[in-house]
Every structure is written in C-alpha cells, then in structure tokens.
N, C-alpha and C. Protein backbone atom coordinates (compact mmCIF):
# COMPACT_ATOMS: atom_id res chain seq x y z
N GLN A 1 1.76 14.16 12.32
CA GLN A 1 1.55 12.89 12.99
C GLN A 1 0.19 12.32 12.62
N VAL A 2 0.17 11.02 12.45
CA VAL A 2 -1.07 10.30 12.17
C VAL A 2 -1.19 9.17 13.17
N GLN A 3 -2.34 9.06 13.76
CA GLN A 3 -2.62 7.94 14.65
C GLN A 3 -3.59 7.00 13.94
N LEU A 4 -3.26 5.71 13.99
CA LEU A 4 -4.07 4.70 13.30
C LEU A 4 -4.52 3.66 14.31
N VAL A 5 -5.80 3.36 14.30
CA VAL A 5 -6.35 2.36 15.21
C VAL A 5 -7.15 1.34 14.40
N GLU A 6 -6.68 0.10 14.43
CA GLU A 6 -7.35 -0.98 13.70
C GLU A 6 -8.38 -1.66 14.59
N SER A 7 -9.35 -2.25 13.94
CA SER A 7 -10.35 -3.06 14.65
C SER A 7 -10.92 -4.08 13.68
N GLY A 8 -11.58 -5.09 14.23
CA GLY A 8 -12.29 -6.05 13.39
C GLY A 8 -11.65 -7.41 13.26
N GLY A 9 -10.48 -7.61 13.85
CA GLY A 9 -9.86 -8.93 13.78
C GLY A 9 -10.60 -9.95 14.63
N GLY A 10 -10.18 -11.19 14.51
CA GLY A 10 -10.80 -12.24 15.31
C GLY A 10 -10.56 -13.61 14.74
N LEU A 11 -11.33 -14.54 15.24
CA LEU A 11 -11.26 -15.93 14.80
C LEU A 11 -12.41 -16.23 13.85
N VAL A 12 -12.08 -16.84 12.72
CA VAL A 12 -13.11 -17.17 11.74
C VAL A 12 -12.78 -18.52 11.12
N GLN A 13 -13.79 -19.23 10.71
CA GLN A 13 -13.59 -20.52 10.07
C GLN A 13 -13.17 -20.35 8.62
N PRO A 14 -12.46 -21.32 8.07
CA PRO A 14 -12.12 -21.26 6.63
C PRO A 14 -13.37 -21.06 5.79
N GLY A 15 -13.25 -20.18 4.81
CA GLY A 15 -14.39 -19.83 3.97
C GLY A 15 -15.20 -18.66 4.49
N GLY A 16 -14.92 -18.24 5.70
CA GLY A 16 -15.67 -17.15 6.30
C GLY A 16 -15.17 -15.78 5.89
N SER A 17 -15.76 -14.76 6.48
CA SER A 17 -15.43 -13.38 6.14
C SER A 17 -15.16 -12.56 7.40
N LEU A 18 -14.34 -11.55 7.22
CA LEU A 18 -14.08 -10.56 8.26
C LEU A 18 -13.91 -9.21 7.59
N ARG A 19 -14.24 -8.17 8.34
CA ARG A 19 -14.02 -6.81 7.85
C ARG A 19 -13.14 -6.08 8.85
N LEU A 20 -11.99 -5.64 8.38
CA LEU A 20 -11.09 -4.85 9.21
C LEU A 20 -11.31 -3.37 8.93
N SER A 21 -11.20 -2.59 9.98
CA SER A 21 -11.33 -1.14 9.83
C SER A 21 -10.14 -0.46 10.47
N CYS A 22 -9.80 0.69 9.93
CA CYS A 22 -8.70 1.50 10.46
C CYS A 22 -9.16 2.95 10.50
N ALA A 23 -9.14 3.52 11.69
CA ALA A 23 -9.52 4.92 11.86
C ALA A 23 -8.26 5.76 12.00
N ALA A 24 -8.18 6.81 11.20
CA ALA A 24 -7.01 7.69 11.21
C ALA A 24 -7.36 9.04 11.81
N SER A 25 -6.40 9.60 12.50
CA SER A 25 -6.59 10.94 13.06
C SER A 25 -5.26 11.65 13.11
N GLY A 26 -5.32 12.96 13.16
CA GLY A 26 -4.12 13.73 13.41
C GLY A 26 -3.55 14.45 12.21
N SER A 27 -4.00 14.15 11.01
CA SER A 27 -3.44 14.85 9.86
C SER A 27 -4.46 14.83 8.72
N ILE A 28 -4.08 15.31 7.57
CA ILE A 28 -5.00 15.41 6.44
C ILE A 28 -5.05 14.07 5.73
N PHE A 29 -6.14 13.36 5.91
CA PHE A 29 -6.26 11.98 5.45
C PHE A 29 -6.04 11.85 3.95
N ILE A 30 -6.53 12.80 3.18
CA ILE A 30 -6.46 12.66 1.72
C ILE A 30 -5.06 12.86 1.18
N THR A 31 -4.11 13.19 2.01
CA THR A 31 -2.74 13.31 1.54
C THR A 31 -1.94 12.02 1.75
N TYR A 32 -2.67 10.97 2.14
CA TYR A 32 -1.99 9.70 2.43
C TYR A 32 -2.52 8.56 1.57
N VAL A 33 -1.57 7.75 1.13
CA VAL A 33 -1.91 6.44 0.57
C VAL A 33 -2.10 5.51 1.77
N MET A 34 -3.19 4.80 1.76
CA MET A 34 -3.49 3.89 2.87
C MET A 34 -3.28 2.45 2.42
N GLY A 35 -2.81 1.64 3.34
CA GLY A 35 -2.57 0.25 2.98
C GLY A 35 -2.83 -0.69 4.13
N TRP A 36 -3.08 -1.93 3.76
CA TRP A 36 -3.16 -3.02 4.73
C TRP A 36 -2.00 -3.97 4.47
N TYR A 37 -1.29 -4.30 5.51
CA TYR A 37 -0.19 -5.25 5.45
C TYR A 37 -0.49 -6.37 6.44
N ARG A 38 0.22 -7.46 6.28
CA ARG A 38 0.07 -8.54 7.26
C ARG A 38 1.42 -9.19 7.52
N GLN A 39 1.51 -9.76 8.69
CA GLN A 39 2.71 -10.51 9.05
C GLN A 39 2.28 -11.87 9.55
N ARG A 40 2.54 -12.88 8.76
CA ARG A 40 2.20 -14.25 9.12
C ARG A 40 3.30 -14.81 10.01
N PRO A 41 2.99 -15.81 10.81
CA PRO A 41 3.99 -16.38 11.72
C PRO A 41 5.25 -16.81 10.98
N GLY A 42 6.38 -16.31 11.42
CA GLY A 42 7.67 -16.68 10.83
C GLY A 42 7.96 -16.04 9.50
N LYS A 43 7.11 -15.08 9.07
CA LYS A 43 7.29 -14.44 7.77
C LYS A 43 7.51 -12.94 7.94
N GLN A 44 7.99 -12.32 6.87
CA GLN A 44 8.13 -10.86 6.87
C GLN A 44 6.78 -10.20 6.61
N ARG A 45 6.69 -8.98 7.03
CA ARG A 45 5.47 -8.22 6.77
C ARG A 45 5.33 -8.02 5.26
N GLU A 46 4.10 -8.15 4.78
CA GLU A 46 3.87 -8.05 3.33
C GLU A 46 2.63 -7.21 3.04
N LEU A 47 2.64 -6.59 1.89
CA LEU A 47 1.50 -5.80 1.46
C LEU A 47 0.33 -6.71 1.10
N VAL A 48 -0.85 -6.34 1.55
CA VAL A 48 -2.07 -7.03 1.16
C VAL A 48 -2.81 -6.20 0.10
N ALA A 49 -3.01 -4.92 0.40
CA ALA A 49 -3.72 -4.03 -0.52
C ALA A 49 -3.42 -2.59 -0.15
N SER A 50 -3.48 -1.72 -1.14
CA SER A 50 -3.30 -0.29 -0.89
C SER A 50 -4.31 0.49 -1.70
N ILE A 51 -4.53 1.74 -1.29
CA ILE A 51 -5.54 2.55 -1.95
C ILE A 51 -5.12 4.01 -1.92
N LEU A 52 -5.20 4.64 -3.09
CA LEU A 52 -4.87 6.06 -3.21
C LEU A 52 -6.03 6.92 -2.71
N PRO A 53 -5.78 8.20 -2.48
CA PRO A 53 -6.89 9.09 -2.12
C PRO A 53 -8.02 9.08 -3.13
N SER A 54 -7.70 8.81 -4.39
CA SER A 54 -8.72 8.74 -5.46
C SER A 54 -9.49 7.43 -5.45
N SER A 55 -9.10 6.53 -4.54
CA SER A 55 -9.69 5.19 -4.40
C SER A 55 -9.22 4.19 -5.45
N ILE A 56 -8.19 4.53 -6.21
CA ILE A 56 -7.54 3.52 -7.05
C ILE A 56 -6.81 2.57 -6.11
N SER A 57 -7.03 1.28 -6.33
CA SER A 57 -6.51 0.30 -5.39
C SER A 57 -5.55 -0.69 -6.07
N ASN A 58 -4.79 -1.36 -5.24
CA ASN A 58 -3.80 -2.33 -5.70
C ASN A 58 -3.82 -3.50 -4.72
N TYR A 59 -3.68 -4.72 -5.25
CA TYR A 59 -3.77 -5.91 -4.41
C TYR A 59 -2.59 -6.84 -4.65
N ALA A 60 -2.19 -7.51 -3.58
CA ALA A 60 -1.29 -8.64 -3.72
C ALA A 60 -2.03 -9.76 -4.43
N ASP A 61 -1.28 -10.61 -5.12
CA ASP A 61 -1.92 -11.71 -5.85
C ASP A 61 -2.77 -12.58 -4.92
N SER A 62 -2.31 -12.76 -3.70
CA SER A 62 -3.02 -13.62 -2.75
C SER A 62 -4.37 -13.03 -2.33
N ALA A 63 -4.53 -11.72 -2.53
CA ALA A 63 -5.75 -11.05 -2.11
C ALA A 63 -6.74 -10.81 -3.25
N LYS A 64 -6.27 -10.87 -4.45
CA LYS A 64 -7.12 -10.56 -5.60
C LYS A 64 -8.31 -11.49 -5.67
N GLY A 65 -9.48 -10.90 -5.85
CA GLY A 65 -10.70 -11.68 -5.97
C GLY A 65 -11.34 -12.08 -4.65
N ARG A 66 -10.62 -11.90 -3.56
CA ARG A 66 -11.16 -12.27 -2.24
C ARG A 66 -11.28 -11.08 -1.30
N PHE A 67 -10.35 -10.15 -1.40
CA PHE A 67 -10.31 -9.01 -0.49
C PHE A 67 -10.66 -7.73 -1.25
N THR A 68 -11.28 -6.80 -0.55
CA THR A 68 -11.59 -5.50 -1.13
C THR A 68 -11.21 -4.40 -0.14
N ILE A 69 -10.38 -3.49 -0.61
CA ILE A 69 -10.00 -2.34 0.21
C ILE A 69 -10.85 -1.15 -0.19
N SER A 70 -11.22 -0.35 0.79
CA SER A 70 -12.00 0.85 0.50
C SER A 70 -11.64 1.93 1.52
N ARG A 71 -11.94 3.15 1.18
CA ARG A 71 -11.66 4.25 2.11
C ARG A 71 -12.81 5.25 2.06
N ASP A 72 -13.01 5.91 3.17
CA ASP A 72 -13.99 6.97 3.28
C ASP A 72 -13.23 8.21 3.70
N ASN A 73 -12.98 9.09 2.76
CA ASN A 73 -12.17 10.28 3.05
C ASN A 73 -12.90 11.26 3.96
N ALA A 74 -14.20 11.19 4.01
CA ALA A 74 -14.96 12.07 4.90
C ALA A 74 -14.87 11.60 6.35
N LYS A 75 -14.74 10.29 6.54
CA LYS A 75 -14.70 9.74 7.89
C LYS A 75 -13.29 9.34 8.32
N ASN A 76 -12.31 9.53 7.43
CA ASN A 76 -10.92 9.19 7.74
C ASN A 76 -10.76 7.71 8.11
N THR A 77 -11.38 6.87 7.33
CA THR A 77 -11.29 5.44 7.60
C THR A 77 -10.91 4.67 6.34
N VAL A 78 -10.27 3.54 6.57
CA VAL A 78 -9.97 2.61 5.50
C VAL A 78 -10.37 1.22 5.99
N SER A 79 -10.94 0.43 5.11
CA SER A 79 -11.43 -0.88 5.48
C SER A 79 -10.89 -1.95 4.55
N LEU A 80 -10.89 -3.16 5.06
CA LEU A 80 -10.49 -4.31 4.26
C LEU A 80 -11.55 -5.39 4.47
N GLN A 81 -12.32 -5.66 3.44
CA GLN A 81 -13.30 -6.73 3.47
C GLN A 81 -12.62 -8.00 2.98
N MET A 82 -12.61 -9.01 3.82
CA MET A 82 -11.92 -10.25 3.49
C MET A 82 -12.94 -11.39 3.41
N ASN A 83 -13.05 -11.98 2.25
CA ASN A 83 -13.96 -13.09 2.02
C ASN A 83 -13.19 -14.35 1.67
N SER A 84 -13.87 -15.47 1.75
CA SER A 84 -13.25 -16.77 1.40
C SER A 84 -11.91 -16.95 2.10
N LEU A 85 -11.90 -16.68 3.38
CA LEU A 85 -10.64 -16.73 4.14
C LEU A 85 -10.09 -18.15 4.22
N ARG A 86 -8.77 -18.21 4.22
CA ARG A 86 -8.04 -19.47 4.25
C ARG A 86 -7.15 -19.51 5.49
N PRO A 87 -6.78 -20.70 5.93
CA PRO A 87 -5.86 -20.76 7.08
C PRO A 87 -4.57 -19.96 6.86
N GLU A 88 -4.11 -19.91 5.63
CA GLU A 88 -2.87 -19.16 5.35
C GLU A 88 -3.05 -17.65 5.41
N ASP A 89 -4.27 -17.19 5.59
CA ASP A 89 -4.50 -15.75 5.82
C ASP A 89 -4.30 -15.37 7.29
N THR A 90 -4.07 -16.37 8.12
CA THR A 90 -3.82 -16.10 9.54
C THR A 90 -2.58 -15.23 9.68
N ALA A 91 -2.74 -14.10 10.36
CA ALA A 91 -1.66 -13.13 10.48
C ALA A 91 -2.10 -11.99 11.38
N VAL A 92 -1.13 -11.17 11.73
CA VAL A 92 -1.44 -9.87 12.32
C VAL A 92 -1.55 -8.88 11.15
N TYR A 93 -2.66 -8.19 11.08
CA TYR A 93 -2.90 -7.24 10.01
C TYR A 93 -2.67 -5.82 10.51
N TYR A 94 -1.92 -5.06 9.71
CA TYR A 94 -1.55 -3.71 10.09
C TYR A 94 -2.08 -2.71 9.06
N CYS A 95 -2.49 -1.59 9.56
CA CYS A 95 -2.88 -0.46 8.73
C CYS A 95 -1.67 0.48 8.61
N LYS A 96 -1.45 1.00 7.43
CA LYS A 96 -0.32 1.91 7.20
C LYS A 96 -0.78 3.14 6.44
N ALA A 97 -0.23 4.28 6.83
CA ALA A 97 -0.47 5.53 6.11
C ALA A 97 0.86 6.03 5.58
N LEU A 98 0.94 6.25 4.28
CA LEU A 98 2.15 6.75 3.63
C LEU A 98 1.84 8.07 2.97
N HIS A 99 2.57 9.11 3.35
CA HIS A 99 2.31 10.42 2.76
C HIS A 99 2.56 10.37 1.24
N LEU A 100 1.75 11.05 0.47
CA LEU A 100 1.86 11.03 -0.99
C LEU A 100 3.24 11.46 -1.48
N LEU A 101 3.88 12.36 -0.74
CA LEU A 101 5.20 12.83 -1.13
C LEU A 101 6.30 12.02 -0.45
N GLY A 102 5.91 10.97 0.24
CA GLY A 102 6.89 10.10 0.87
C GLY A 102 7.57 10.69 2.08
N ARG A 103 6.97 11.72 2.65
CA ARG A 103 7.63 12.41 3.76
C ARG A 103 7.56 11.63 5.07
N ALA A 104 6.54 10.81 5.21
CA ALA A 104 6.38 10.08 6.46
C ALA A 104 5.48 8.88 6.26
N GLU A 105 5.63 7.91 7.15
CA GLU A 105 4.72 6.77 7.17
C GLU A 105 4.40 6.42 8.61
N TYR A 106 3.20 5.90 8.80
CA TYR A 106 2.72 5.58 10.13
C TYR A 106 2.05 4.20 10.09
N TRP A 107 2.16 3.51 11.24
CA TRP A 107 1.59 2.18 11.34
C TRP A 107 0.62 2.12 12.52
N GLY A 108 -0.39 1.29 12.36
CA GLY A 108 -1.24 0.98 13.49
C GLY A 108 -0.61 -0.11 14.34
N GLN A 109 -1.32 -0.48 15.40
CA GLN A 109 -0.76 -1.45 16.35
C GLN A 109 -0.97 -2.89 15.91
N GLY A 110 -1.83 -3.09 14.92
CA GLY A 110 -2.08 -4.43 14.41
C GLY A 110 -3.29 -5.09 15.03
N THR A 111 -3.92 -5.95 14.26
CA THR A 111 -5.05 -6.72 14.76
C THR A 111 -4.90 -8.17 14.28
N GLN A 112 -5.14 -9.10 15.17
CA GLN A 112 -4.93 -10.52 14.87
C GLN A 112 -6.12 -11.08 14.10
N VAL A 113 -5.81 -11.77 13.02
CA VAL A 113 -6.82 -12.54 12.28
C VAL A 113 -6.38 -14.00 12.30
N THR A 114 -7.26 -14.85 12.77
CA THR A 114 -6.97 -16.27 12.82
C THR A 114 -8.05 -17.02 12.06
N VAL A 115 -7.63 -17.81 11.08
CA VAL A 115 -8.56 -18.59 10.27
C VAL A 115 -8.33 -20.06 10.60
N SER A 116 -9.28 -20.63 11.28
CA SER A 116 -9.11 -22.00 11.75
C SER A 116 -10.47 -22.63 12.03
N SER A 117 -10.53 -23.94 11.83
CA SER A 117 -11.75 -24.66 12.16
C SER A 117 -11.67 -25.24 13.57
C-alpha cells in the first residue's frame, strides 16, 4: 500500500507559478514510477508528467518547457514546478504511483489549481 498526499495547489494569476508536492508513504518509493495527472473541467484525466526512479522524466506536450517534475528518493517526495501558468491549466492535479512491475497503482486525493485573473 502507498499513501499519497498532495499539497501546493491554489489560485494564481496567468503567467504565475505554483509548486505542487506529493508525499508518499507505506512502501518502497524507488520501486514506483511517479506521475502528475490533471483533470480539467469536463475533460478526462490526463498525464502531465512522469518520472522514473532514475529521475528520467516525460512530459505531455502542454507541459514541455513550462513544468518540471522532480523526485527526492530519500524523502519520498515528488514535485511539480509549474511556471508560465495559463487559464487552461486550471484543473485538479493528482499524484500517482505506479509500481515498476505494474503490480499496483495508487492515487492521491487531488489538489485544485486555478489560474485566473
């Protein structure tokens, strides 16, 4: 079992920045691929970025050049630095842990990000 707790969401103006954090507990963190997903109003949940235990990362096209995912395997945390935010980035952001062997996946409860003037 893995428990995931997100933090860092909020209201920000267009062009602003936010940093989301996800704290994991309950299992061996380095055996999981970590990811950030989002669900925009009226849309399906979509991948924003993911990161392997080795810190190799992958981004959705919408996130490239603006968002940076990182992880600290010693502290069992994964973060998403979001810069140059746009109104279309407004969504509930979720942290996900996927076991490397695909045996299990876990989701956090989500954190709201609202980009508006």
